[in-house]
Protein backbone atom coordinates (compact mmCIF):
# COMPACT_ATOMS: atom_id res chain seq x y z
CA MET A 1 -26.30 11.41 45.13
CA PRO A 2 -27.56 7.97 44.04
CA SER A 3 -26.60 5.05 46.24
CA ALA A 4 -24.85 1.96 44.90
CA THR A 5 -27.92 -0.09 45.78
CA GLU A 6 -30.39 2.10 43.88
CA PRO A 7 -32.67 0.00 41.62
CA GLY A 8 -31.36 -0.27 38.08
CA ARG A 9 -27.79 0.47 39.15
CA SER A 10 -25.04 -2.02 39.74
CA LYS A 11 -21.74 -1.41 41.46
CA THR A 12 -19.99 -3.73 39.02
CA ALA A 13 -21.60 -2.74 35.69
CA PRO A 14 -19.04 -1.04 33.42
CA PRO A 15 -19.98 2.33 31.94
CA ALA A 16 -21.82 2.25 28.59
CA ARG A 17 -18.85 3.95 26.87
CA THR A 18 -16.54 1.09 27.96
CA ARG A 19 -18.99 -1.51 26.65
CA ARG A 20 -19.25 0.32 23.31
CA SER A 21 -15.47 0.59 22.92
CA ASP A 22 -15.10 -3.10 23.86
CA ALA A 23 -17.73 -4.04 21.28
CA ARG A 24 -15.92 -1.98 18.61
CA ARG A 25 -12.58 -3.55 19.52
CA ASN A 26 -14.12 -7.07 19.39
CA GLU A 27 -15.64 -6.27 16.01
CA GLN A 28 -12.26 -5.11 14.67
CA VAL A 29 -10.65 -8.36 15.89
CA LEU A 30 -13.38 -10.37 14.15
CA LEU A 31 -13.02 -8.43 10.91
CA GLY A 32 -9.24 -8.86 10.91
CA ALA A 33 -9.60 -12.59 11.51
CA ALA A 34 -12.26 -12.93 8.79
CA ALA A 35 -10.10 -11.00 6.31
CA ARG A 36 -7.16 -13.38 6.93
CA ILE A 37 -9.36 -16.48 6.60
CA PHE A 38 -11.05 -15.15 3.45
CA ALA A 39 -7.62 -14.43 1.93
CA GLU A 40 -6.42 -17.95 2.72
CA SER A 41 -9.56 -20.01 2.12
CA GLY A 42 -12.02 -17.83 0.17
CA ILE A 43 -15.29 -16.26 1.24
CA ASP A 44 -16.99 -19.64 1.63
CA ALA A 45 -14.65 -20.60 4.49
CA PRO A 46 -16.51 -22.08 7.49
CA VAL A 47 -17.40 -19.57 10.19
CA ARG A 48 -15.76 -21.87 12.76
CA LEU A 49 -12.37 -21.09 11.16
CA ILE A 50 -12.97 -17.37 11.62
CA ALA A 51 -14.09 -17.93 15.22
CA ALA A 52 -10.95 -19.96 15.95
CA GLU A 53 -8.72 -17.32 14.32
CA ALA A 54 -10.38 -14.57 16.38
CA GLY A 55 -10.37 -16.65 19.57
CA VAL A 56 -14.13 -16.31 20.09
CA GLY A 57 -17.19 -18.54 19.98
CA MET A 58 -19.33 -18.77 16.86
CA GLY A 59 -22.18 -17.12 18.76
CA THR A 60 -20.08 -13.96 19.07
CA ILE A 61 -19.68 -13.78 15.30
CA TYR A 62 -23.40 -14.25 14.71
CA ARG A 63 -24.19 -11.59 17.31
CA HIS A 64 -22.11 -9.07 15.36
CA PHE A 65 -22.92 -10.38 11.86
CA PRO A 66 -26.16 -12.39 11.66
CA SER A 67 -25.55 -13.44 8.04
CA ARG A 68 -22.52 -14.34 5.93
CA SER A 69 -23.31 -11.52 3.49
CA GLU A 70 -23.20 -8.98 6.36
CA LEU A 71 -19.84 -10.36 7.48
CA ILE A 72 -18.43 -10.22 3.95
CA ALA A 73 -19.67 -6.65 3.45
CA ALA A 74 -18.16 -5.60 6.80
CA VAL A 75 -14.80 -7.21 5.95
CA TYR A 76 -14.82 -5.47 2.59
CA ARG A 77 -15.45 -2.06 4.17
CA HIS A 78 -12.87 -2.78 6.88
CA GLN A 79 -10.22 -3.51 4.23
CA VAL A 80 -11.14 -0.42 2.21
CA ASP A 81 -10.88 1.71 5.34
CA ALA A 82 -7.49 0.17 6.18
CA CYS A 83 -6.21 1.17 2.71
CA VAL A 84 -7.46 4.72 3.23
CA ASP A 85 -5.85 4.89 6.68
CA LEU A 86 -2.55 3.64 5.27
CA GLY A 87 -2.65 6.30 2.54
CA GLU A 88 -3.30 9.03 5.10
CA THR A 89 -0.41 7.79 7.24
CA LEU A 90 1.97 7.65 4.27
CA LEU A 91 1.03 11.19 3.26
CA LYS A 92 1.76 12.49 6.77
CA ASP A 93 4.83 10.50 7.84
CA GLY A 94 7.38 12.09 5.54
CA SER A 95 7.83 9.10 3.21
CA GLN A 96 9.19 9.82 -0.25
CA PRO A 97 5.99 10.23 -2.31
CA PHE A 98 6.77 7.64 -4.99
CA ALA A 99 7.86 5.08 -2.35
CA ALA A 100 4.64 5.86 -0.46
CA LEU A 101 2.61 5.30 -3.63
CA ALA A 102 4.32 1.94 -4.24
CA GLU A 103 3.73 0.85 -0.62
CA TRP A 104 0.09 1.85 -0.88
CA PHE A 105 -0.34 -0.17 -4.08
CA ASP A 106 1.22 -3.21 -2.38
CA ALA A 107 -1.53 -2.94 0.25
CA PHE A 108 -4.11 -2.42 -2.50
CA VAL A 109 -2.98 -5.64 -4.21
CA ASP A 110 -3.30 -7.47 -0.87
CA PHE A 111 -6.80 -6.04 -0.48
CA LEU A 112 -7.79 -7.28 -3.93
CA ALA A 113 -6.63 -10.77 -2.95
CA THR A 114 -8.95 -10.63 0.10
CA LYS A 115 -11.79 -9.29 -2.04
CA HIS A 116 -11.44 -12.19 -4.50
CA GLY A 117 -14.76 -14.02 -4.78
CA LEU A 118 -16.94 -11.24 -3.38
CA ALA A 119 -18.51 -10.65 -6.79
CA THR A 120 -19.98 -14.17 -6.70
CA VAL A 121 -22.08 -13.39 -3.61
CA ARG A 122 -25.77 -13.01 -4.41
CA THR A 123 -27.65 -11.02 -1.83
CA GLN A 124 -30.56 -8.60 -1.54
CA ASP A 125 -28.72 -6.66 1.17
CA GLU A 126 -28.65 -2.97 0.19
CA SER A 127 -25.29 -2.44 1.90
CA THR A 128 -23.62 -5.17 -0.17
CA GLY A 129 -25.07 -3.73 -3.35
CA SER A 130 -23.35 -0.41 -2.65
CA LEU A 131 -19.91 -1.87 -1.90
CA HIS A 132 -18.49 -0.97 -5.30
CA ASP A 133 -19.53 2.66 -4.79
CA TYR A 134 -17.97 2.60 -1.32
CA PHE A 135 -14.76 1.22 -2.85
CA LEU A 136 -14.56 4.00 -5.45
CA ASP A 137 -15.70 6.83 -3.19
CA ARG A 138 -13.10 5.99 -0.52
CA LEU A 139 -10.10 4.73 -2.50
CA VAL A 140 -9.93 6.88 -5.64
CA PRO A 141 -9.44 10.16 -3.71
CA ILE A 142 -6.60 8.81 -1.54
CA CYS A 143 -4.90 7.31 -4.59
CA ASP A 144 -5.21 10.67 -6.40
CA ARG A 145 -3.65 12.43 -3.41
CA LEU A 146 -0.70 10.00 -3.35
CA LEU A 147 -0.24 10.50 -7.10
CA ASP A 148 -0.42 14.28 -6.74
CA ALA A 149 2.25 14.20 -4.01
CA ALA A 150 4.59 12.16 -6.22
CA ARG A 151 3.86 14.45 -9.17
CA ALA A 152 4.53 17.58 -7.07
CA ASN A 153 7.84 16.03 -5.97
CA GLY A 154 8.85 15.52 -9.62
CA GLU A 155 8.76 11.71 -9.35
CA ILE A 156 5.89 11.15 -11.78
CA SER A 157 5.38 12.77 -15.16
CA ALA A 158 2.65 10.58 -16.70
CA LYS A 159 -0.81 12.10 -16.98
CA VAL A 160 -2.63 9.26 -15.27
CA THR A 161 -5.43 9.34 -12.71
CA GLY A 162 -5.84 7.29 -9.56
CA TYR A 163 -8.89 5.61 -11.07
CA GLU A 164 -6.92 4.55 -14.17
CA LEU A 165 -4.04 3.14 -12.12
CA MET A 166 -6.38 1.32 -9.73
CA ARG A 167 -8.29 -0.14 -12.67
CA GLY A 168 -5.04 -1.30 -14.30
CA VAL A 169 -3.77 -2.89 -11.08
CA GLY A 170 -7.17 -4.50 -10.56
CA ASN A 171 -6.87 -6.12 -13.99
CA LEU A 172 -3.38 -7.38 -13.11
CA CYS A 173 -4.82 -9.03 -9.99
CA LEU A 174 -7.94 -10.40 -11.63
CA LEU A 175 -6.63 -13.83 -12.58
CA ALA A 176 -3.77 -14.16 -10.09
CA GLY A 177 -5.44 -17.07 -8.28
CA ASP A 178 -3.09 -19.51 -6.58
CA ASP A 179 -0.50 -19.55 -9.37
CA GLY A 180 2.79 -19.22 -7.51
CA ARG A 181 4.54 -18.30 -10.77
CA TYR A 182 2.58 -15.05 -11.04
CA ASP A 183 3.10 -12.12 -8.68
CA PRO A 184 0.74 -9.19 -9.30
CA ARG A 185 2.93 -7.01 -7.06
CA LYS A 186 5.83 -7.34 -9.49
CA LEU A 187 3.62 -6.31 -12.42
CA THR A 188 2.16 -3.46 -10.36
CA HIS A 189 5.67 -2.13 -9.69
CA LEU A 190 6.43 -2.31 -13.41
CA LEU A 191 3.23 -0.40 -14.14
CA LEU A 192 4.14 2.26 -11.57
CA ALA A 193 7.67 2.53 -12.97
CA GLY A 194 6.07 3.48 -16.29
CA THR A 195 4.58 6.59 -14.71
CA ARG A 196 8.00 8.09 -13.90
């Protein structure tokens, strides 16, 4: 049995698994903070605002995400994954399917507001170049499943695909900007009502 004083071992060093889970948790906190700042101030917001929102030093952000493009790509994926997770939860929790679909599209509209400006980023990063594929590969199937559930429950009769609805909602969000007179959620609900 190794002693506590054996070279290379420390009595106080946490197990590697704990360090990894802490690092993942810290990364999730950073991504959540960055998503909120990007939604409020755009993707060119100073990193110090993200650090302050997350309650960490700027060095911590750069350790996780050495470049702005890596941070933006990670936030984008984080938001896509959150939409997928919400869809899975809504499908399992016994919500009425059409209400679940409407709730999911509210979150999708919020995601599109966070995403606003990403298309202007110019980068050679392979991962950023594949973000649109990631978006489609992850979100279209969960949207189709929500639609199928509402259709199976007799709440939707329109022959419309998840891709078509997402594309339509995306167009409704495209020019929303900061115009307080325009609410893409309201138009999204009208669009969904047309599927019934």
